[in-house]
Amino acid sequence: MNTNTATYLSRDVLNQRIHGLLFSRKVTKKALTEALGLSQPTGSKKLNGHVDWSVPELLTVAVVLDTSVAYLIGEVDDDAPLRKTRNAPAREDQGVRAASADLVAGAGLEPATSRL
């Protein structure tokens, strides 16, 4: 299997799992797009597999859909979150952006190539 075939297969798995979780969790595409801070056209392109997802976006999708990135990308078949952190705020209380912010490294931890 070449790299392009593997990329399309993983993109298909990712998009199928996101759509399945949107349905089962009763989350609208509009709500997910808004939580990601994307425009409707960009959100649609990502959800339809025409534009790749970034790691921070996948983390936010996992928080919104109450799952793990490992499930989204096809590494595991259980859609339950892998772990809950004590400090992560509840989605309903403080919003998705606050919850996903705890999952991303803070300033000063950028790779050395970030200043090129």
PDB file of N, CA and C in Angstrom:
ATOM      1  N   MET A   1       0.846  -1.173   0.000  1.00  0.00           N
ATOM      2  CA  MET A   1       0.000   0.000   0.000  1.00  0.00           C
ATOM      3  C   MET A   1       0.893   1.239   0.000  1.00  0.00           C
ATOM      4  N   ASN A   2       0.672   2.162  -0.910  1.00  0.00           N
ATOM      5  CA  ASN A   2       1.504   3.356  -0.952  1.00  0.00           C
ATOM      6  C   ASN A   2       0.987   4.415   0.028  1.00  0.00           C
ATOM      7  N   THR A   3       1.756   5.469   0.211  1.00  0.00           N
ATOM      8  CA  THR A   3       1.423   6.511   1.181  1.00  0.00           C
ATOM      9  C   THR A   3       0.107   7.186   0.859  1.00  0.00           C
ATOM     10  N   ASN A   4      -0.155   7.455  -0.429  1.00  0.00           N
ATOM     11  CA  ASN A   4      -1.413   8.110  -0.798  1.00  0.00           C
ATOM     12  C   ASN A   4      -2.616   7.247  -0.456  1.00  0.00           C
ATOM     13  N   THR A   5      -2.539   5.951  -0.688  1.00  0.00           N
ATOM     14  CA  THR A   5      -3.640   5.047  -0.362  1.00  0.00           C
ATOM     15  C   THR A   5      -3.864   5.024   1.147  1.00  0.00           C
ATOM     16  N   ALA A   6      -2.788   4.952   1.926  1.00  0.00           N
ATOM     17  CA  ALA A   6      -2.909   4.945   3.386  1.00  0.00           C
ATOM     18  C   ALA A   6      -3.515   6.246   3.884  1.00  0.00           C
ATOM     19  N   THR A   7      -3.130   7.369   3.272  1.00  0.00           N
ATOM     20  CA  THR A   7      -3.680   8.663   3.673  1.00  0.00           C
ATOM     21  C   THR A   7      -5.177   8.706   3.434  1.00  0.00           C
ATOM     22  N   TYR A   8      -5.623   8.243   2.266  1.00  0.00           N
ATOM     23  CA  TYR A   8      -7.050   8.266   1.971  1.00  0.00           C
ATOM     24  C   TYR A   8      -7.825   7.321   2.879  1.00  0.00           C
ATOM     25  N   LEU A   9      -7.258   6.141   3.171  1.00  0.00           N
ATOM     26  CA  LEU A   9      -7.930   5.209   4.068  1.00  0.00           C
ATOM     27  C   LEU A   9      -8.081   5.800   5.456  1.00  0.00           C
ATOM     28  N   SER A  10      -7.017   6.415   5.990  1.00  0.00           N
ATOM     29  CA  SER A  10      -7.094   6.994   7.324  1.00  0.00           C
ATOM     30  C   SER A  10      -8.035   8.189   7.332  1.00  0.00           C
ATOM     31  N   ARG A  11      -8.062   8.965   6.262  1.00  0.00           N
ATOM     32  CA  ARG A  11      -8.986  10.097   6.174  1.00  0.00           C
ATOM     33  C   ARG A  11     -10.422   9.599   6.142  1.00  0.00           C
ATOM     34  N   ASP A  12     -10.660   8.500   5.435  1.00  0.00           N
ATOM     35  CA  ASP A  12     -12.003   7.909   5.389  1.00  0.00           C
ATOM     36  C   ASP A  12     -12.439   7.431   6.770  1.00  0.00           C
ATOM     37  N   VAL A  13     -11.547   6.737   7.474  1.00  0.00           N
ATOM     38  CA  VAL A  13     -11.861   6.255   8.821  1.00  0.00           C
ATOM     39  C   VAL A  13     -12.172   7.435   9.731  1.00  0.00           C
ATOM     40  N   LEU A  14     -11.331   8.444   9.688  1.00  0.00           N
ATOM     41  CA  LEU A  14     -11.511   9.635  10.513  1.00  0.00           C
ATOM     42  C   LEU A  14     -12.873  10.279  10.250  1.00  0.00           C
ATOM     43  N   ASN A  15     -13.176  10.518   8.991  1.00  0.00           N
ATOM     44  CA  ASN A  15     -14.438  11.184   8.666  1.00  0.00           C
ATOM     45  C   ASN A  15     -15.656  10.321   8.987  1.00  0.00           C
ATOM     46  N   GLN A  16     -15.561   9.016   8.777  1.00  0.00           N
ATOM     47  CA  GLN A  16     -16.672   8.128   9.139  1.00  0.00           C
ATOM     48  C   GLN A  16     -16.902   8.150  10.643  1.00  0.00           C
ATOM     49  N   ARG A  17     -15.836   8.122  11.400  1.00  0.00           N
ATOM     50  CA  ARG A  17     -15.979   8.113  12.859  1.00  0.00           C
ATOM     51  C   ARG A  17     -16.511   9.443  13.378  1.00  0.00           C
ATOM     52  N   ILE A  18     -16.050  10.544  12.821  1.00  0.00           N
ATOM     53  CA  ILE A  18     -16.575  11.845  13.248  1.00  0.00           C
ATOM     54  C   ILE A  18     -18.062  11.923  12.945  1.00  0.00           C
ATOM     55  N   HIS A  19     -18.473  11.544  11.740  1.00  0.00           N
ATOM     56  CA  HIS A  19     -19.893  11.599  11.382  1.00  0.00           C
ATOM     57  C   HIS A  19     -20.729  10.670  12.261  1.00  0.00           C
ATOM     58  N   GLY A  20     -20.215   9.477  12.544  1.00  0.00           N
ATOM     59  CA  GLY A  20     -20.935   8.548  13.413  1.00  0.00           C
ATOM     60  C   GLY A  20     -21.120   9.103  14.814  1.00  0.00           C
ATOM     61  N   LEU A  21     -20.072   9.736  15.347  1.00  0.00           N
ATOM     62  CA  LEU A  21     -20.159  10.321  16.687  1.00  0.00           C
ATOM     63  C   LEU A  21     -21.041  11.563  16.706  1.00  0.00           C
ATOM     64  N   LEU A  22     -21.006  12.349  15.641  1.00  0.00           N
ATOM     65  CA  LEU A  22     -21.918  13.496  15.569  1.00  0.00           C
ATOM     66  C   LEU A  22     -23.359  13.014  15.715  1.00  0.00           C
ATOM     67  N   PHE A  23     -23.686  11.933  15.023  1.00  0.00           N
ATOM     68  CA  PHE A  23     -25.039  11.388  15.076  1.00  0.00           C
ATOM     69  C   PHE A  23     -25.345  10.807  16.458  1.00  0.00           C
ATOM     70  N   SER A  24     -24.465   9.946  16.962  1.00  0.00           N
ATOM     71  CA  SER A  24     -24.759   9.268  18.233  1.00  0.00           C
ATOM     72  C   SER A  24     -24.719  10.209  19.430  1.00  0.00           C
ATOM     73  N   ARG A  25     -23.902  11.249  19.364  1.00  0.00           N
ATOM     74  CA  ARG A  25     -23.804  12.208  20.479  1.00  0.00           C
ATOM     75  C   ARG A  25     -24.789  13.373  20.308  1.00  0.00           C
ATOM     76  N   LYS A  26     -25.498  13.367  19.186  1.00  0.00           N
ATOM     77  CA  LYS A  26     -26.488  14.420  18.887  1.00  0.00           C
ATOM     78  C   LYS A  26     -25.846  15.816  18.881  1.00  0.00           C
ATOM     79  N   VAL A  27     -24.706  15.893  18.203  1.00  0.00           N
ATOM     80  CA  VAL A  27     -23.997  17.154  18.021  1.00  0.00           C
ATOM     81  C   VAL A  27     -24.131  17.536  16.557  1.00  0.00           C
ATOM     82  N   THR A  28     -24.496  18.775  16.299  1.00  0.00           N
ATOM     83  CA  THR A  28     -24.645  19.204  14.910  1.00  0.00           C
ATOM     84  C   THR A  28     -23.285  19.552  14.308  1.00  0.00           C
ATOM     85  N   LYS A  29     -23.211  19.484  12.988  1.00  0.00           N
ATOM     86  CA  LYS A  29     -21.994  19.892  12.287  1.00  0.00           C
ATOM     87  C   LYS A  29     -21.717  21.363  12.555  1.00  0.00           C
ATOM     88  N   LYS A  30     -22.778  22.155  12.632  1.00  0.00           N
ATOM     89  CA  LYS A  30     -22.635  23.585  12.903  1.00  0.00           C
ATOM     90  C   LYS A  30     -22.011  23.805  14.281  1.00  0.00           C
ATOM     91  N   ALA A  31     -22.462  23.059  15.298  1.00  0.00           N
ATOM     92  CA  ALA A  31     -21.911  23.211  16.645  1.00  0.00           C
ATOM     93  C   ALA A  31     -20.434  22.820  16.676  1.00  0.00           C
ATOM     94  N   LEU A  32     -20.084  21.748  15.982  1.00  0.00           N
ATOM     95  CA  LEU A  32     -18.684  21.326  15.939  1.00  0.00           C
ATOM     96  C   LEU A  32     -17.836  22.376  15.224  1.00  0.00           C
ATOM     97  N   THR A  33     -18.317  22.873  14.111  1.00  0.00           N
ATOM     98  CA  THR A  33     -17.590  23.887  13.348  1.00  0.00           C
ATOM     99  C   THR A  33     -17.378  25.143  14.194  1.00  0.00           C
ATOM    100  N   GLU A  34     -18.415  25.550  14.937  1.00  0.00           N
ATOM    101  CA  GLU A  34     -18.295  26.728  15.803  1.00  0.00           C
ATOM    102  C   GLU A  34     -17.301  26.480  16.936  1.00  0.00           C
ATOM    103  N   ALA A  35     -17.329  25.280  17.530  1.00  0.00           N
ATOM    104  CA  ALA A  35     -16.398  24.957  18.603  1.00  0.00           C
ATOM    105  C   ALA A  35     -14.949  24.997  18.112  1.00  0.00           C
ATOM    106  N   LEU A  36     -14.759  24.663  16.855  1.00  0.00           N
ATOM    107  CA  LEU A  36     -13.424  24.691  16.255  1.00  0.00           C
ATOM    108  C   LEU A  36     -13.011  26.089  15.819  1.00  0.00           C
ATOM    109  N   GLY A  37     -13.958  27.022  15.813  1.00  0.00           N
ATOM    110  CA  GLY A  37     -13.658  28.380  15.373  1.00  0.00           C
ATOM    111  C   GLY A  37     -13.458  28.488  13.875  1.00  0.00           C
ATOM    112  N   LEU A  38     -14.115  27.606  13.134  1.00  0.00           N
ATOM    113  CA  LEU A  38     -13.986  27.577  11.678  1.00  0.00           C
ATOM    114  C   LEU A  38     -15.189  28.201  11.015  1.00  0.00           C
ATOM    115  N   SER A  39     -14.988  28.688   9.805  1.00  0.00           N
ATOM    116  CA  SER A  39     -16.118  29.143   9.007  1.00  0.00           C
ATOM    117  C   SER A  39     -16.898  27.920   8.530  1.00  0.00           C
ATOM    118  N   GLN A  40     -18.126  28.122   8.133  1.00  0.00           N
ATOM    119  CA  GLN A  40     -18.951  27.008   7.659  1.00  0.00           C
ATOM    120  C   GLN A  40     -18.319  26.331   6.445  1.00  0.00           C
ATOM    121  N   PRO A  41     -17.825  27.081   5.452  1.00  0.00           N
ATOM    122  CA  PRO A  41     -17.212  26.411   4.298  1.00  0.00           C
ATOM    123  C   PRO A  41     -15.976  25.582   4.668  1.00  0.00           C
ATOM    124  N   THR A  42     -15.116  26.109   5.540  1.00  0.00           N
ATOM    125  CA  THR A  42     -13.925  25.362   5.950  1.00  0.00           C
ATOM    126  C   THR A  42     -14.314  24.128   6.750  1.00  0.00           C
ATOM    127  N   GLY A  43     -15.262  24.280   7.668  1.00  0.00           N
ATOM    128  CA  GLY A  43     -15.741  23.136   8.440  1.00  0.00           C
ATOM    129  C   GLY A  43     -16.308  22.053   7.543  1.00  0.00           C
ATOM    130  N   SER A  44     -17.058  22.457   6.540  1.00  0.00           N
ATOM    131  CA  SER A  44     -17.640  21.505   5.590  1.00  0.00           C
ATOM    132  C   SER A  44     -16.554  20.766   4.818  1.00  0.00           C
ATOM    133  N   LYS A  45     -15.524  21.492   4.398  1.00  0.00           N
ATOM    134  CA  LYS A  45     -14.418  20.862   3.657  1.00  0.00           C
ATOM    135  C   LYS A  45     -13.695  19.836   4.523  1.00  0.00           C
ATOM    136  N   LYS A  46     -13.502  20.164   5.793  1.00  0.00           N
ATOM    137  CA  LYS A  46     -12.840  19.217   6.699  1.00  0.00           C
ATOM    138  C   LYS A  46     -13.725  17.999   6.936  1.00  0.00           C
ATOM    139  N   LEU A  47     -15.005  18.213   7.199  1.00  0.00           N
ATOM    140  CA  LEU A  47     -15.924  17.111   7.469  1.00  0.00           C
ATOM    141  C   LEU A  47     -16.144  16.222   6.250  1.00  0.00           C
ATOM    142  N   ASN A  48     -15.929  16.757   5.066  1.00  0.00           N
ATOM    143  CA  ASN A  48     -16.087  15.971   3.840  1.00  0.00           C
ATOM    144  C   ASN A  48     -14.767  15.389   3.343  1.00  0.00           C
ATOM    145  N   GLY A  49     -13.677  15.618   4.083  1.00  0.00           N
ATOM    146  CA  GLY A  49     -12.394  15.019   3.734  1.00  0.00           C
ATOM    147  C   GLY A  49     -11.609  15.742   2.665  1.00  0.00           C
ATOM    148  N   HIS A  50     -11.979  16.979   2.369  1.00  0.00           N
ATOM    149  CA  HIS A  50     -11.261  17.726   1.329  1.00  0.00           C
ATOM    150  C   HIS A  50     -10.092  18.522   1.895  1.00  0.00           C
ATOM    151  N   VAL A  51     -10.097  18.755   3.213  1.00  0.00           N
ATOM    152  CA  VAL A  51      -9.031  19.487   3.890  1.00  0.00           C
ATOM    153  C   VAL A  51      -8.639  18.685   5.125  1.00  0.00           C
ATOM    154  N   ASP A  52      -7.331  18.542   5.361  1.00  0.00           N
ATOM    155  CA  ASP A  52      -6.849  17.772   6.506  1.00  0.00           C
ATOM    156  C   ASP A  52      -7.104  18.496   7.827  1.00  0.00           C
ATOM    157  N   TRP A  53      -7.167  17.699   8.888  1.00  0.00           N
ATOM    158  CA  TRP A  53      -7.342  18.204  10.241  1.00  0.00           C
ATOM    159  C   TRP A  53      -5.977  18.451  10.873  1.00  0.00           C
ATOM    160  N   SER A  54      -5.866  19.493  11.687  1.00  0.00           N
ATOM    161  CA  SER A  54      -4.643  19.716  12.468  1.00  0.00           C
ATOM    162  C   SER A  54      -4.772  18.947  13.790  1.00  0.00           C
ATOM    163  N   VAL A  55      -3.660  18.755  14.467  1.00  0.00           N
ATOM    164  CA  VAL A  55      -3.690  18.062  15.749  1.00  0.00           C
ATOM    165  C   VAL A  55      -4.544  18.823  16.772  1.00  0.00           C
ATOM    166  N   PRO A  56      -4.383  20.144  16.923  1.00  0.00           N
ATOM    167  CA  PRO A  56      -5.251  20.856  17.873  1.00  0.00           C
ATOM    168  C   PRO A  56      -6.744  20.721  17.526  1.00  0.00           C
ATOM    169  N   GLU A  57      -7.051  20.700  16.233  1.00  0.00           N
ATOM    170  CA  GLU A  57      -8.452  20.509  15.835  1.00  0.00           C
ATOM    171  C   GLU A  57      -8.951  19.125  16.229  1.00  0.00           C
ATOM    172  N   LEU A  58      -8.130  18.099  16.028  1.00  0.00           N
ATOM    173  CA  LEU A  58      -8.527  16.743  16.426  1.00  0.00           C
ATOM    174  C   LEU A  58      -8.724  16.647  17.933  1.00  0.00           C
ATOM    175  N   LEU A  59      -7.891  17.333  18.699  1.00  0.00           N
ATOM    176  CA  LEU A  59      -8.060  17.350  20.150  1.00  0.00           C
ATOM    177  C   LEU A  59      -9.395  17.982  20.523  1.00  0.00           C
ATOM    178  N   THR A  60      -9.746  19.081  19.866  1.00  0.00           N
ATOM    179  CA  THR A  60     -11.017  19.741  20.135  1.00  0.00           C
ATOM    180  C   THR A  60     -12.188  18.857  19.720  1.00  0.00           C
ATOM    181  N   VAL A  61     -12.092  18.209  18.560  1.00  0.00           N
ATOM    182  CA  VAL A  61     -13.143  17.296  18.106  1.00  0.00           C
ATOM    183  C   VAL A  61     -13.335  16.186  19.137  1.00  0.00           C
ATOM    184  N   ALA A  62     -12.242  15.640  19.647  1.00  0.00           N
ATOM    185  CA  ALA A  62     -12.329  14.571  20.647  1.00  0.00           C
ATOM    186  C   ALA A  62     -13.025  15.055  21.914  1.00  0.00           C
ATOM    187  N   VAL A  63     -12.731  16.271  22.345  1.00  0.00           N
ATOM    188  CA  VAL A  63     -13.377  16.819  23.537  1.00  0.00           C
ATOM    189  C   VAL A  63     -14.866  17.031  23.285  1.00  0.00           C
ATOM    190  N   VAL A  64     -15.196  17.649  22.166  1.00  0.00           N
ATOM    191  CA  VAL A  64     -16.601  17.929  21.840  1.00  0.00           C
ATOM    192  C   VAL A  64     -17.402  16.639  21.738  1.00  0.00           C
ATOM    193  N   LEU A  65     -16.822  15.613  21.124  1.00  0.00           N
ATOM    194  CA  LEU A  65     -17.545  14.362  20.895  1.00  0.00           C
ATOM    195  C   LEU A  65     -17.304  13.331  22.002  1.00  0.00           C
ATOM    196  N   ASP A  66     -16.632  13.741  23.063  1.00  0.00           N
ATOM    197  CA  ASP A  66     -16.391  12.899  24.233  1.00  0.00           C
ATOM    198  C   ASP A  66     -15.788  11.554  23.841  1.00  0.00           C
ATOM    199  N   THR A  67     -14.676  11.633  23.131  1.00  0.00           N
ATOM    200  CA  THR A  67     -13.973  10.438  22.666  1.00  0.00           C
ATOM    201  C   THR A  67     -12.479  10.699  22.730  1.00  0.00           C
ATOM    202  N   SER A  68     -11.692   9.851  22.110  1.00  0.00           N
ATOM    203  CA  SER A  68     -10.240  10.040  22.068  1.00  0.00           C
ATOM    204  C   SER A  68      -9.787  10.247  20.623  1.00  0.00           C
ATOM    205  N   VAL A  69      -8.646  10.894  20.484  1.00  0.00           N
ATOM    206  CA  VAL A  69      -8.053  11.051  19.158  1.00  0.00           C
ATOM    207  C   VAL A  69      -7.700   9.676  18.609  1.00  0.00           C
ATOM    208  N   ALA A  70      -7.275   8.769  19.486  1.00  0.00           N
ATOM    209  CA  ALA A  70      -6.932   7.406  19.046  1.00  0.00           C
ATOM    210  C   ALA A  70      -8.133   6.741  18.371  1.00  0.00           C
ATOM    211  N   TYR A  71      -9.325   6.946  18.897  1.00  0.00           N
ATOM    212  CA  TYR A  71     -10.518   6.378  18.261  1.00  0.00           C
ATOM    213  C   TYR A  71     -10.768   7.073  16.917  1.00  0.00           C
ATOM    214  N   LEU A  72     -10.668   8.395  16.905  1.00  0.00           N
ATOM    215  CA  LEU A  72     -10.952   9.145  15.675  1.00  0.00           C
ATOM    216  C   LEU A  72     -10.061   8.703  14.520  1.00  0.00           C
ATOM    217  N   ILE A  73      -8.789   8.435  14.800  1.00  0.00           N
ATOM    218  CA  ILE A  73      -7.866   8.089  13.711  1.00  0.00           C
ATOM    219  C   ILE A  73      -7.780   6.593  13.465  1.00  0.00           C
ATOM    220  N   GLY A  74      -8.558   5.809  14.190  1.00  0.00           N
ATOM    221  CA  GLY A  74      -8.632   4.383  13.911  1.00  0.00           C
ATOM    222  C   GLY A  74      -7.646   3.508  14.657  1.00  0.00           C
ATOM    223  N   GLU A  75      -6.967   4.037  15.668  1.00  0.00           N
ATOM    224  CA  GLU A  75      -6.015   3.228  16.427  1.00  0.00           C
ATOM    225  C   GLU A  75      -6.700   2.285  17.407  1.00  0.00           C
ATOM    226  N   VAL A  76      -7.853   2.684  17.929  1.00  0.00           N
ATOM    227  CA  VAL A  76      -8.626   1.837  18.840  1.00  0.00           C
ATOM    228  C   VAL A  76     -10.066   1.803  18.354  1.00  0.00           C
ATOM    229  N   ASP A  77     -10.791   0.770  18.760  1.00  0.00           N
ATOM    230  CA  ASP A  77     -12.180   0.630  18.320  1.00  0.00           C
ATOM    231  C   ASP A  77     -13.204   1.050  19.368  1.00  0.00           C
ATOM    232  N   ASP A  78     -12.757   1.387  20.571  1.00  0.00           N
ATOM    233  CA  ASP A  78     -13.652   1.827  21.635  1.00  0.00           C
ATOM    234  C   ASP A  78     -13.743   3.349  21.585  1.00  0.00           C
ATOM    235  N   ASP A  79     -14.951   3.887  21.471  1.00  0.00           N
ATOM    236  CA  ASP A  79     -15.090   5.340  21.323  1.00  0.00           C
ATOM    237  C   ASP A  79     -15.067   6.091  22.651  1.00  0.00           C
ATOM    238  N   ALA A  80     -14.854   5.401  23.767  1.00  0.00           N
ATOM    239  CA  ALA A  80     -14.769   6.066  25.063  1.00  0.00           C
ATOM    240  C   ALA A  80     -13.468   6.861  25.154  1.00  0.00           C
ATOM    241  N   PRO A  81     -13.493   7.972  25.878  1.00  0.00           N
ATOM    242  CA  PRO A  81     -12.239   8.719  26.067  1.00  0.00           C
ATOM    243  C   PRO A  81     -11.206   7.832  26.750  1.00  0.00           C
ATOM    244  N   LEU A  82      -9.927   7.992  26.398  1.00  0.00           N
ATOM    245  CA  LEU A  82      -8.889   7.166  27.002  1.00  0.00           C
ATOM    246  C   LEU A  82      -8.677   7.515  28.463  1.00  0.00           C
ATOM    247  N   ARG A  83      -8.772   8.791  28.781  1.00  0.00           N
ATOM    248  CA  ARG A  83      -8.632   9.188  30.181  1.00  0.00           C
ATOM    249  C   ARG A  83      -9.284  10.548  30.384  1.00  0.00           C
ATOM    250  N   LYS A  84      -9.678  10.777  31.589  1.00  0.00           N
ATOM    251  CA  LYS A  84     -10.213  12.080  31.967  1.00  0.00           C
ATOM    252  C   LYS A  84      -9.196  12.713  32.907  1.00  0.00           C
ATOM    253  N   THR A  85      -8.990  14.003  32.770  1.00  0.00           N
ATOM    254  CA  THR A  85      -8.074  14.680  33.671  1.00  0.00           C
ATOM    255  C   THR A  85      -8.872  15.380  34.756  1.00  0.00           C
ATOM    256  N   ARG A  86      -8.263  15.494  35.910  1.00  0.00           N
ATOM    257  CA  ARG A  86      -8.946  16.140  37.028  1.00  0.00           C
ATOM    258  C   ARG A  86      -9.175  17.610  36.757  1.00  0.00           C
ATOM    259  N   ASN A  87      -8.290  18.258  36.026  1.00  0.00           N
ATOM    260  CA  ASN A  87      -8.363  19.697  35.840  1.00  0.00           C
ATOM    261  C   ASN A  87      -9.174  20.127  34.629  1.00  0.00           C
ATOM    262  N   ALA A  88      -9.557  19.199  33.784  1.00  0.00           N
ATOM    263  CA  ALA A  88     -10.303  19.563  32.580  1.00  0.00           C
ATOM    264  C   ALA A  88     -11.716  19.972  32.976  1.00  0.00           C
ATOM    265  N   PRO A  89     -12.147  21.178  32.610  1.00  0.00           N
ATOM    266  CA  PRO A  89     -13.499  21.614  32.958  1.00  0.00           C
ATOM    267  C   PRO A  89     -14.545  20.847  32.159  1.00  0.00           C
ATOM    268  N   ALA A  90     -15.727  20.761  32.714  1.00  0.00           N
ATOM    269  CA  ALA A  90     -16.828  20.106  32.012  1.00  0.00           C
ATOM    270  C   ALA A  90     -17.215  20.951  30.811  1.00  0.00           C
ATOM    271  N   ARG A  91     -17.578  20.299  29.706  1.00  0.00           N
ATOM    272  CA  ARG A  91     -17.960  21.025  28.497  1.00  0.00           C
ATOM    273  C   ARG A  91     -19.101  21.975  28.763  1.00  0.00           C
ATOM    274  N   GLU A  92     -20.096  21.531  29.491  1.00  0.00           N
ATOM    275  CA  GLU A  92     -21.283  22.345  29.703  1.00  0.00           C
ATOM    276  C   GLU A  92     -20.975  23.573  30.556  1.00  0.00           C
ATOM    277  N   ASP A  93     -19.984  23.474  31.450  1.00  0.00           N
ATOM    278  CA  ASP A  93     -19.713  24.555  32.379  1.00  0.00           C
ATOM    279  C   ASP A  93     -18.886  25.679  31.773  1.00  0.00           C
ATOM    280  N   GLN A  94     -17.806  25.328  31.090  1.00  0.00           N
ATOM    281  CA  GLN A  94     -16.886  26.363  30.651  1.00  0.00           C
ATOM    282  C   GLN A  94     -16.606  26.357  29.169  1.00  0.00           C
ATOM    283  N   GLY A  95     -17.280  25.567  28.420  1.00  0.00           N
ATOM    284  CA  GLY A  95     -17.130  25.594  26.978  1.00  0.00           C
ATOM    285  C   GLY A  95     -16.014  24.716  26.466  1.00  0.00           C
ATOM    286  N   VAL A  96     -16.117  24.409  25.209  1.00  0.00           N
ATOM    287  CA  VAL A  96     -15.189  23.500  24.561  1.00  0.00           C
ATOM    288  C   VAL A  96     -13.806  24.098  24.458  1.00  0.00           C
ATOM    289  N   ARG A  97     -13.700  25.366  24.166  1.00  0.00           N
ATOM    290  CA  ARG A  97     -12.380  25.978  24.007  1.00  0.00           C
ATOM    291  C   ARG A  97     -11.568  25.864  25.292  1.00  0.00           C
ATOM    292  N   ALA A  98     -12.195  26.073  26.448  1.00  0.00           N
ATOM    293  CA  ALA A  98     -11.476  25.957  27.718  1.00  0.00           C
ATOM    294  C   ALA A  98     -11.012  24.527  27.946  1.00  0.00           C
ATOM    295  N   ALA A  99     -11.856  23.565  27.634  1.00  0.00           N
ATOM    296  CA  ALA A  99     -11.493  22.160  27.829  1.00  0.00           C
ATOM    297  C   ALA A  99     -10.362  21.764  26.902  1.00  0.00           C
ATOM    298  N   SER A 100     -10.423  22.192  25.658  1.00  0.00           N
ATOM    299  CA  SER A 100      -9.386  21.801  24.720  1.00  0.00           C
ATOM    300  C   SER A 100      -8.081  22.543  24.978  1.00  0.00           C
ATOM    301  N   ALA A 101      -8.148  23.725  25.589  1.00  0.00           N
ATOM    302  CA  ALA A 101      -6.932  24.478  25.881  1.00  0.00           C
ATOM    303  C   ALA A 101      -6.038  23.723  26.851  1.00  0.00           C
ATOM    304  N   ASP A 102      -6.614  22.934  27.750  1.00  0.00           N
ATOM    305  CA  ASP A 102      -5.828  22.152  28.690  1.00  0.00           C
ATOM    306  C   ASP A 102      -5.061  21.032  27.995  1.00  0.00           C
ATOM    307  N   LEU A 103      -5.444  20.690  26.776  1.00  0.00           N
ATOM    308  CA  LEU A 103      -4.840  19.572  26.084  1.00  0.00           C
ATOM    309  C   LEU A 103      -3.674  19.977  25.192  1.00  0.00           C
ATOM    310  N   VAL A 104      -3.468  21.279  25.015  1.00  0.00           N
ATOM    311  CA  VAL A 104      -2.444  21.766  24.110  1.00  0.00           C
ATOM    312  C   VAL A 104      -1.320  22.393  24.924  1.00  0.00           C
ATOM    313  N   ALA A 105      -0.086  22.140  24.536  1.00  0.00           N
ATOM    314  CA  ALA A 105       1.069  22.675  25.257  1.00  0.00           C
ATOM    315  C   ALA A 105       1.034  24.193  25.265  1.00  0.00           C
ATOM    316  N   GLY A 106       1.535  24.776  26.340  1.00  0.00           N
ATOM    317  CA  GLY A 106       1.556  26.215  26.491  1.00  0.00           C
ATOM    318  C   GLY A 106       2.656  26.872  25.685  1.00  0.00           C
ATOM    319  N   ALA A 107       2.705  28.185  25.750  1.00  0.00           N
ATOM    320  CA  ALA A 107       3.723  28.963  25.046  1.00  0.00           C
ATOM    321  C   ALA A 107       5.095  28.587  25.573  1.00  0.00           C
ATOM    322  N   GLY A 108       6.076  28.653  24.726  1.00  0.00           N
ATOM    323  CA  GLY A 108       7.435  28.322  25.100  1.00  0.00           C
ATOM    324  C   GLY A 108       7.810  26.890  24.818  1.00  0.00           C
ATOM    325  N   LEU A 109       6.854  26.079  24.383  1.00  0.00           N
ATOM    326  CA  LEU A 109       7.118  24.680  24.096  1.00  0.00           C
ATOM    327  C   LEU A 109       7.090  24.400  22.599  1.00  0.00           C
ATOM    328  N   GLU A 110       7.179  25.447  21.808  1.00  0.00           N
ATOM    329  CA  GLU A 110       7.154  25.285  20.376  1.00  0.00           C
ATOM    330  C   GLU A 110       8.418  24.604  19.895  1.00  0.00           C
ATOM    331  N   PRO A 111       8.339  23.877  18.795  1.00  0.00           N
ATOM    332  CA  PRO A 111       9.552  23.257  18.247  1.00  0.00           C
ATOM    333  C   PRO A 111      10.515  24.337  17.763  1.00  0.00           C
ATOM    334  N   ALA A 112      11.782  23.982  17.691  1.00  0.00           N
ATOM    335  CA  ALA A 112      12.821  24.932  17.303  1.00  0.00           C
ATOM    336  C   ALA A 112      12.579  25.521  15.920  1.00  0.00           C
ATOM    337  N   THR A 113      11.886  24.826  15.050  1.00  0.00           N
ATOM    338  CA  THR A 113      11.651  25.310  13.695  1.00  0.00           C
ATOM    339  C   THR A 113      10.580  26.383  13.640  1.00  0.00           C
ATOM    340  N   SER A 114       9.921  26.688  14.751  1.00  0.00           N
ATOM    341  CA  SER A 114       8.835  27.651  14.716  1.00  0.00           C
ATOM    342  C   SER A 114       9.311  29.072  14.454  1.00  0.00           C
ATOM    343  N   ARG A 115      10.606  29.333  14.600  1.00  0.00           N
ATOM    344  CA  ARG A 115      11.103  30.696  14.394  1.00  0.00           C
ATOM    345  C   ARG A 115      11.848  30.857  13.083  1.00  0.00           C
ATOM    346  N   LEU A 116      11.697  29.955  12.177  1.00  0.00           N
ATOM    347  CA  LEU A 116      12.392  30.049  10.891  1.00  0.00           C
ATOM    348  C   LEU A 116      11.741  31.055  10.001  1.00  0.00           C
TER     349      LEU A 116
END
